[in-house]
Amino acid sequence: MTKKIVVDETVGTRGGEPMIVLYNYWRSSASYRVRIALGLKGLPYQYVPVHLVKQEQHAETHHSRNPMEQIPAIELEIDGKKRLVAQSIAILEMLEELYPSPALLPKDTFLRARTRELAELINAGIQPHQNMSPMARIDGLQKGAGREHAIFHNVAGLSAYEERVKDTAGTYSIGDEPSFADACLVPQLYSARRFEIDVAAKFPTLTRIDAALAALAGVAAAHPDRQPDASP
């Protein structure tokens, strides 16, 4: 049975600010990052699903949002003009500039760089290897190799994160305030568990951080299973 998606037209402004529209998919890790950032910043938004399995990302309407035909994309007004931005890290950076409080980047120069480094370990080092398209292409060369490729890069990237984060971890990845790094970490651990990686055994520091983040309302609300287009 298909879930009916109901959009509350009264939601989407904060103090008279323009509506934010998020084009995303419930199980997409990149979409999940942006939902976490929006939740942590307390920004309401309109949820518009783009179903990856049904190939809706390749439709002309979505191609116009992102010529790479990927998700997420976000639409909002900036200086009175409607703007559309794709790619999750670019979206996080934009939200940080437009809505600086609560901050998801620390003030300290080194810690800001380390936050971005941790985020890129996931964004550049892991996530591209588990996308549906490259996994399918690798499977075309050798059946089952796409999944093994994704698992290898999940373990490699998360192992690097586990080692690197020990210098800066407090309650979260960077001290005691959530950051861009955490917005990337939570979805990646969700993906790793889907690949049946024993996250708790391999990554104890990340498991502890993940549990602390899960207790935050903005993070909990972003969980894939709580999205209107979620399916079994």
C-alpha atoms as a PDB file:
ATOM      1  CA  MET A   1       0.000   0.000   0.000  1.00  0.00           C
ATOM      2  CA  THR A   2       1.389   3.409  -0.996  1.00  0.00           C
ATOM      3  CA  LYS A   3       1.663   5.961   1.771  1.00  0.00           C
ATOM      4  CA  LYS A   4      -0.190   9.175   1.188  1.00  0.00           C
ATOM      5  CA  ILE A   5       2.122  12.122   1.643  1.00  0.00           C
ATOM      6  CA  VAL A   6       0.434  15.071   3.270  1.00  0.00           C
ATOM      7  CA  VAL A   7       2.158  18.436   3.155  1.00  0.00           C
ATOM      8  CA  ASP A   8       1.126  20.915   5.809  1.00  0.00           C
ATOM      9  CA  GLU A   9       0.905  24.191   3.894  1.00  0.00           C
ATOM     10  CA  THR A  10       1.085  26.144   7.143  1.00  0.00           C
ATOM     11  CA  VAL A  11       4.577  24.798   7.809  1.00  0.00           C
ATOM     12  CA  GLY A  12       7.595  26.274   6.128  1.00  0.00           C
ATOM     13  CA  THR A  13       8.337  29.626   7.678  1.00  0.00           C
ATOM     14  CA  ARG A  14      10.221  30.636  10.771  1.00  0.00           C
ATOM     15  CA  GLY A  15       9.620  34.201  11.881  1.00  0.00           C
ATOM     16  CA  GLY A  16       8.291  35.163   8.449  1.00  0.00           C
ATOM     17  CA  GLU A  17      11.187  33.541   6.583  1.00  0.00           C
ATOM     18  CA  PRO A  18      10.406  31.957   3.186  1.00  0.00           C
ATOM     19  CA  MET A  19       9.361  28.366   2.689  1.00  0.00           C
ATOM     20  CA  ILE A  20      12.135  25.784   2.332  1.00  0.00           C
ATOM     21  CA  VAL A  21      11.410  22.904  -0.038  1.00  0.00           C
ATOM     22  CA  LEU A  22      13.525  19.760   0.194  1.00  0.00           C
ATOM     23  CA  TYR A  23      13.576  17.295  -2.708  1.00  0.00           C
ATOM     24  CA  ASN A  24      14.831  14.015  -1.277  1.00  0.00           C
ATOM     25  CA  TYR A  25      14.356  10.295  -0.722  1.00  0.00           C
ATOM     26  CA  TRP A  26      13.768   8.675   2.642  1.00  0.00           C
ATOM     27  CA  ARG A  27      16.681   6.226   2.456  1.00  0.00           C
ATOM     28  CA  SER A  28      19.219   8.452   0.716  1.00  0.00           C
ATOM     29  CA  SER A  29      22.160   9.117   3.063  1.00  0.00           C
ATOM     30  CA  ALA A  30      22.844  12.504   1.429  1.00  0.00           C
ATOM     31  CA  SER A  31      19.200  13.501   1.938  1.00  0.00           C
ATOM     32  CA  TYR A  32      19.378  12.272   5.522  1.00  0.00           C
ATOM     33  CA  ARG A  33      22.305  14.661   6.179  1.00  0.00           C
ATOM     34  CA  VAL A  34      20.293  17.657   5.084  1.00  0.00           C
ATOM     35  CA  ARG A  35      17.254  16.605   7.109  1.00  0.00           C
ATOM     36  CA  ILE A  36      19.494  16.390  10.180  1.00  0.00           C
ATOM     37  CA  ALA A  37      20.895  19.877   9.580  1.00  0.00           C
ATOM     38  CA  LEU A  38      17.414  21.308   9.092  1.00  0.00           C
ATOM     39  CA  GLY A  39      16.243  19.554  12.254  1.00  0.00           C
ATOM     40  CA  LEU A  40      19.169  20.721  14.369  1.00  0.00           C
ATOM     41  CA  LYS A  41      18.620  24.290  13.204  1.00  0.00           C
ATOM     42  CA  GLY A  42      14.882  24.072  13.857  1.00  0.00           C
ATOM     43  CA  LEU A  43      13.986  24.923  10.257  1.00  0.00           C
ATOM     44  CA  PRO A  44      10.601  23.674   9.047  1.00  0.00           C
ATOM     45  CA  TYR A  45      10.426  22.615   5.413  1.00  0.00           C
ATOM     46  CA  GLN A  46       8.199  21.058   2.798  1.00  0.00           C
ATOM     47  CA  TYR A  47       9.145  17.443   2.096  1.00  0.00           C
ATOM     48  CA  VAL A  48       8.983  16.466  -1.587  1.00  0.00           C
ATOM     49  CA  PRO A  49       9.940  12.835  -2.317  1.00  0.00           C
ATOM     50  CA  VAL A  50      11.970  11.814  -5.366  1.00  0.00           C
ATOM     51  CA  HIS A  51      11.794   8.019  -5.564  1.00  0.00           C
ATOM     52  CA  LEU A  52      15.184   6.601  -6.548  1.00  0.00           C
ATOM     53  CA  VAL A  53      14.054   3.014  -7.084  1.00  0.00           C
ATOM     54  CA  LYS A  54      11.349   4.233  -9.449  1.00  0.00           C
ATOM     55  CA  GLN A  55      14.010   6.291 -11.259  1.00  0.00           C
ATOM     56  CA  GLU A  56      12.230   9.591 -10.592  1.00  0.00           C
ATOM     57  CA  GLN A  57      15.624  11.301 -10.310  1.00  0.00           C
ATOM     58  CA  HIS A  58      15.994  10.904 -14.079  1.00  0.00           C
ATOM     59  CA  ALA A  59      12.726  12.686 -14.873  1.00  0.00           C
ATOM     60  CA  GLU A  60      12.994  16.001 -16.694  1.00  0.00           C
ATOM     61  CA  THR A  61      11.509  17.850 -13.728  1.00  0.00           C
ATOM     62  CA  HIS A  62      14.311  16.661 -11.457  1.00  0.00           C
ATOM     63  CA  HIS A  63      17.022  16.996 -14.112  1.00  0.00           C
ATOM     64  CA  SER A  64      16.249  20.719 -14.101  1.00  0.00           C
ATOM     65  CA  ARG A  65      16.925  20.776 -10.341  1.00  0.00           C
ATOM     66  CA  ASN A  66      20.204  18.888 -10.651  1.00  0.00           C
ATOM     67  CA  PRO A  67      21.725  17.971 -14.034  1.00  0.00           C
ATOM     68  CA  MET A  68      23.614  15.148 -12.278  1.00  0.00           C
ATOM     69  CA  GLU A  69      20.161  13.680 -11.521  1.00  0.00           C
ATOM     70  CA  GLN A  70      21.026  13.133  -7.882  1.00  0.00           C
ATOM     71  CA  ILE A  71      19.400  14.107  -4.604  1.00  0.00           C
ATOM     72  CA  PRO A  72      18.941  16.074  -2.462  1.00  0.00           C
ATOM     73  CA  ALA A  73      18.106  19.497  -3.802  1.00  0.00           C
ATOM     74  CA  ILE A  74      16.722  22.399  -1.819  1.00  0.00           C
ATOM     75  CA  GLU A  75      14.674  25.399  -2.906  1.00  0.00           C
ATOM     76  CA  LEU A  76      14.325  28.617  -0.938  1.00  0.00           C
ATOM     77  CA  GLU A  77      14.361  32.383  -1.267  1.00  0.00           C
ATOM     78  CA  ILE A  78      17.587  34.337  -0.887  1.00  0.00           C
ATOM     79  CA  ASP A  79      17.441  38.142  -1.095  1.00  0.00           C
ATOM     80  CA  GLY A  80      13.956  37.935  -2.584  1.00  0.00           C
ATOM     81  CA  LYS A  81      14.929  35.471  -5.332  1.00  0.00           C
ATOM     82  CA  LYS A  82      13.959  31.818  -5.527  1.00  0.00           C
ATOM     83  CA  ARG A  83      17.135  29.720  -5.527  1.00  0.00           C
ATOM     84  CA  LEU A  84      17.754  26.023  -6.040  1.00  0.00           C
ATOM     85  CA  VAL A  85      20.875  24.312  -4.703  1.00  0.00           C
ATOM     86  CA  ALA A  86      21.881  20.644  -5.029  1.00  0.00           C
ATOM     87  CA  GLN A  87      24.586  18.484  -3.385  1.00  0.00           C
ATOM     88  CA  SER A  88      24.338  17.929   0.346  1.00  0.00           C
ATOM     89  CA  ILE A  89      27.567  19.559   1.513  1.00  0.00           C
ATOM     90  CA  ALA A  90      26.858  22.706  -0.495  1.00  0.00           C
ATOM     91  CA  ILE A  91      23.392  22.770   1.056  1.00  0.00           C
ATOM     92  CA  LEU A  92      24.816  22.412   4.573  1.00  0.00           C
ATOM     93  CA  GLU A  93      27.236  25.275   3.938  1.00  0.00           C
ATOM     94  CA  MET A  94      24.438  27.475   2.614  1.00  0.00           C
ATOM     95  CA  LEU A  95      22.174  26.747   5.582  1.00  0.00           C
ATOM     96  CA  GLU A  96      25.027  27.599   7.937  1.00  0.00           C
ATOM     97  CA  GLU A  97      25.452  30.999   6.273  1.00  0.00           C
ATOM     98  CA  LEU A  98      21.736  31.772   6.130  1.00  0.00           C
ATOM     99  CA  TYR A  99      20.871  30.419   9.582  1.00  0.00           C
ATOM    100  CA  PRO A 100      24.078  30.625  11.660  1.00  0.00           C
ATOM    101  CA  SER A 101      22.410  29.787  14.967  1.00  0.00           C
ATOM    102  CA  PRO A 102      22.626  27.151  16.259  1.00  0.00           C
ATOM    103  CA  ALA A 103      25.999  26.740  14.580  1.00  0.00           C
ATOM    104  CA  LEU A 104      27.018  23.447  13.004  1.00  0.00           C
ATOM    105  CA  LEU A 105      30.578  24.649  12.437  1.00  0.00           C
ATOM    106  CA  PRO A 106      32.805  25.580  15.391  1.00  0.00           C
ATOM    107  CA  LYS A 107      34.408  29.036  15.581  1.00  0.00           C
ATOM    108  CA  ASP A 108      37.944  27.708  16.034  1.00  0.00           C
ATOM    109  CA  THR A 109      39.791  27.623  12.685  1.00  0.00           C
ATOM    110  CA  PHE A 110      41.371  24.207  13.204  1.00  0.00           C
ATOM    111  CA  LEU A 111      38.158  22.629  14.464  1.00  0.00           C
ATOM    112  CA  ARG A 112      36.206  24.045  11.512  1.00  0.00           C
ATOM    113  CA  ALA A 113      38.724  22.418   9.179  1.00  0.00           C
ATOM    114  CA  ARG A 114      38.631  19.136  11.107  1.00  0.00           C
ATOM    115  CA  THR A 115      34.814  19.168  10.985  1.00  0.00           C
ATOM    116  CA  ARG A 116      34.919  19.505   7.213  1.00  0.00           C
ATOM    117  CA  GLU A 117      37.623  16.830   7.013  1.00  0.00           C
ATOM    118  CA  LEU A 118      35.477  14.332   8.892  1.00  0.00           C
ATOM    119  CA  ALA A 119      32.474  15.199   6.735  1.00  0.00           C
ATOM    120  CA  GLU A 120      34.517  14.626   3.578  1.00  0.00           C
ATOM    121  CA  LEU A 121      35.805  11.262   4.807  1.00  0.00           C
ATOM    122  CA  ILE A 122      32.185  10.225   4.409  1.00  0.00           C
ATOM    123  CA  ASN A 123      30.980  12.456   1.577  1.00  0.00           C
ATOM    124  CA  ALA A 124      33.950  11.812  -0.726  1.00  0.00           C
ATOM    125  CA  GLY A 125      35.506   8.682   0.745  1.00  0.00           C
ATOM    126  CA  ILE A 126      32.517   6.411   1.317  1.00  0.00           C
ATOM    127  CA  GLN A 127      29.188   7.568  -0.023  1.00  0.00           C
ATOM    128  CA  PRO A 128      29.996   7.637  -3.778  1.00  0.00           C
ATOM    129  CA  HIS A 129      31.009   3.967  -3.587  1.00  0.00           C
ATOM    130  CA  GLN A 130      27.628   2.879  -2.221  1.00  0.00           C
ATOM    131  CA  ASN A 131      25.411   4.818  -4.607  1.00  0.00           C
ATOM    132  CA  MET A 132      22.984   2.719  -6.600  1.00  0.00           C
ATOM    133  CA  SER A 133      24.447   3.621  -9.997  1.00  0.00           C
ATOM    134  CA  PRO A 134      28.104   2.613  -9.411  1.00  0.00           C
ATOM    135  CA  MET A 135      27.053  -0.480  -7.478  1.00  0.00           C
ATOM    136  CA  ALA A 136      24.876  -1.556 -10.414  1.00  0.00           C
ATOM    137  CA  ARG A 137      27.698  -0.935 -12.902  1.00  0.00           C
ATOM    138  CA  ILE A 138      30.140  -2.981 -10.807  1.00  0.00           C
ATOM    139  CA  ASP A 139      27.557  -5.768 -10.456  1.00  0.00           C
ATOM    140  CA  GLY A 140      27.329  -5.751 -14.246  1.00  0.00           C
ATOM    141  CA  LEU A 141      30.991  -6.718 -14.382  1.00  0.00           C
ATOM    142  CA  GLN A 142      30.787  -9.299 -11.596  1.00  0.00           C
ATOM    143  CA  LYS A 143      27.621 -10.283  -9.789  1.00  0.00           C
ATOM    144  CA  GLY A 144      27.693  -9.277  -6.124  1.00  0.00           C
ATOM    145  CA  ALA A 145      30.849  -7.205  -6.484  1.00  0.00           C
ATOM    146  CA  GLY A 146      28.964  -3.923  -6.084  1.00  0.00           C
ATOM    147  CA  ARG A 147      27.928  -4.786  -2.549  1.00  0.00           C
ATOM    148  CA  GLU A 148      31.415  -5.976  -1.625  1.00  0.00           C
ATOM    149  CA  HIS A 149      32.857  -2.762  -3.045  1.00  0.00           C
ATOM    150  CA  ALA A 150      30.449  -0.693  -0.920  1.00  0.00           C
ATOM    151  CA  ILE A 151      31.229  -2.685   2.232  1.00  0.00           C
ATOM    152  CA  PHE A 152      34.984  -2.297   1.708  1.00  0.00           C
ATOM    153  CA  HIS A 153      34.745   1.483   1.440  1.00  0.00           C
ATOM    154  CA  ASN A 154      32.343   1.742   4.376  1.00  0.00           C
ATOM    155  CA  VAL A 155      34.797  -0.096   6.620  1.00  0.00           C
ATOM    156  CA  ALA A 156      37.819   1.819   5.305  1.00  0.00           C
ATOM    157  CA  GLY A 157      36.194   5.240   5.658  1.00  0.00           C
ATOM    158  CA  LEU A 158      34.606   4.635   9.033  1.00  0.00           C
ATOM    159  CA  SER A 159      37.877   3.175  10.346  1.00  0.00           C
ATOM    160  CA  ALA A 160      39.620   6.413   9.343  1.00  0.00           C
ATOM    161  CA  TYR A 161      36.847   8.448  11.012  1.00  0.00           C
ATOM    162  CA  GLU A 162      37.122   6.341  14.200  1.00  0.00           C
ATOM    163  CA  GLU A 163      40.856   7.016  14.369  1.00  0.00           C
ATOM    164  CA  ARG A 164      40.668  10.702  13.456  1.00  0.00           C
ATOM    165  CA  VAL A 165      37.755  11.659  15.700  1.00  0.00           C
ATOM    166  CA  LYS A 166      39.492  10.573  18.904  1.00  0.00           C
ATOM    167  CA  ASP A 167      41.422  13.874  18.867  1.00  0.00           C
ATOM    168  CA  THR A 168      38.261  15.985  18.974  1.00  0.00           C
ATOM    169  CA  ALA A 169      35.409  13.859  20.318  1.00  0.00           C
ATOM    170  CA  GLY A 170      33.376  14.961  23.278  1.00  0.00           C
ATOM    171  CA  THR A 171      29.708  14.106  23.409  1.00  0.00           C
ATOM    172  CA  TYR A 172      29.751  14.393  19.619  1.00  0.00           C
ATOM    173  CA  SER A 173      32.421  14.329  16.908  1.00  0.00           C
ATOM    174  CA  ILE A 174      33.692  17.838  17.659  1.00  0.00           C
ATOM    175  CA  GLY A 175      33.377  18.494  21.364  1.00  0.00           C
ATOM    176  CA  ASP A 176      29.950  18.831  22.915  1.00  0.00           C
ATOM    177  CA  GLU A 177      28.000  20.498  20.101  1.00  0.00           C
ATOM    178  CA  PRO A 178      26.700  18.697  16.989  1.00  0.00           C
ATOM    179  CA  SER A 179      28.314  19.627  13.697  1.00  0.00           C
ATOM    180  CA  PHE A 180      28.453  18.980   9.943  1.00  0.00           C
ATOM    181  CA  ALA A 181      30.537  15.918  10.745  1.00  0.00           C
ATOM    182  CA  ASP A 182      27.726  14.440  12.830  1.00  0.00           C
ATOM    183  CA  ALA A 183      25.163  15.217  10.139  1.00  0.00           C
ATOM    184  CA  CYS A 184      27.235  12.996   7.841  1.00  0.00           C
ATOM    185  CA  LEU A 185      28.136  10.345  10.416  1.00  0.00           C
ATOM    186  CA  VAL A 186      24.621   9.345  11.480  1.00  0.00           C
ATOM    187  CA  PRO A 187      23.409   8.479   7.946  1.00  0.00           C
ATOM    188  CA  GLN A 188      26.637   6.648   7.172  1.00  0.00           C
ATOM    189  CA  LEU A 189      26.317   4.412  10.202  1.00  0.00           C
ATOM    190  CA  TYR A 190      22.703   3.737   9.188  1.00  0.00           C
ATOM    191  CA  SER A 191      23.984   2.661   5.762  1.00  0.00           C
ATOM    192  CA  ALA A 192      26.769   0.547   7.260  1.00  0.00           C
ATOM    193  CA  ARG A 193      24.260  -1.368   9.358  1.00  0.00           C
ATOM    194  CA  ARG A 194      22.162  -1.979   6.244  1.00  0.00           C
ATOM    195  CA  PHE A 195      25.270  -3.566   4.715  1.00  0.00           C
ATOM    196  CA  GLU A 196      25.397  -5.801   7.830  1.00  0.00           C
ATOM    197  CA  ILE A 197      28.639  -4.304   9.109  1.00  0.00           C
ATOM    198  CA  ASP A 198      29.079  -4.844  12.858  1.00  0.00           C
ATOM    199  CA  VAL A 199      29.289  -1.142  13.686  1.00  0.00           C
ATOM    200  CA  ALA A 200      29.282  -1.568  17.482  1.00  0.00           C
ATOM    201  CA  ALA A 201      32.207  -3.994  17.431  1.00  0.00           C
ATOM    202  CA  LYS A 202      34.335  -2.167  14.858  1.00  0.00           C
ATOM    203  CA  PHE A 203      33.676   1.455  15.784  1.00  0.00           C
ATOM    204  CA  PRO A 204      33.061   1.940  19.526  1.00  0.00           C
ATOM    205  CA  THR A 205      33.693   5.696  19.526  1.00  0.00           C
ATOM    206  CA  LEU A 206      31.356   6.246  16.594  1.00  0.00           C
ATOM    207  CA  THR A 207      28.714   4.050  18.214  1.00  0.00           C
ATOM    208  CA  ARG A 208      28.834   6.170  21.368  1.00  0.00           C
ATOM    209  CA  ILE A 209      28.573   9.429  19.390  1.00  0.00           C
ATOM    210  CA  ASP A 210      25.727   8.023  17.300  1.00  0.00           C
ATOM    211  CA  ALA A 211      23.737   7.101  20.426  1.00  0.00           C
ATOM    212  CA  ALA A 212      24.151  10.623  21.820  1.00  0.00           C
ATOM    213  CA  LEU A 213      23.004  12.141  18.555  1.00  0.00           C
ATOM    214  CA  ALA A 214      19.978   9.852  18.342  1.00  0.00           C
ATOM    215  CA  ALA A 215      18.692  11.421  21.555  1.00  0.00           C
ATOM    216  CA  LEU A 216      18.419  14.850  19.875  1.00  0.00           C
ATOM    217  CA  ALA A 217      14.938  15.646  18.590  1.00  0.00           C
ATOM    218  CA  GLY A 218      16.206  17.148  15.326  1.00  0.00           C
ATOM    219  CA  VAL A 219      18.237  14.036  14.560  1.00  0.00           C
ATOM    220  CA  ALA A 220      15.513  11.596  15.578  1.00  0.00           C
ATOM    221  CA  ALA A 221      12.966  13.322  13.330  1.00  0.00           C
ATOM    222  CA  ALA A 222      15.283  12.941  10.333  1.00  0.00           C
ATOM    223  CA  HIS A 223      15.494   9.142  10.620  1.00  0.00           C
ATOM    224  CA  PRO A 224      14.523   7.394   7.368  1.00  0.00           C
ATOM    225  CA  ASP A 225      11.774   5.336   8.973  1.00  0.00           C
ATOM    226  CA  ARG A 226      10.016   8.539  10.081  1.00  0.00           C
ATOM    227  CA  GLN A 227       9.753  10.032   6.597  1.00  0.00           C
ATOM    228  CA  PRO A 228       6.422  10.197   4.740  1.00  0.00           C
ATOM    229  CA  ASP A 229       7.688   8.158   1.775  1.00  0.00           C
ATOM    230  CA  ALA A 230       9.278   5.407   3.886  1.00  0.00           C
ATOM    231  CA  SER A 231       8.466   1.861   2.835  1.00  0.00           C
ATOM    232  CA  PRO A 232       9.340  -1.598   4.217  1.00  0.00           C
END
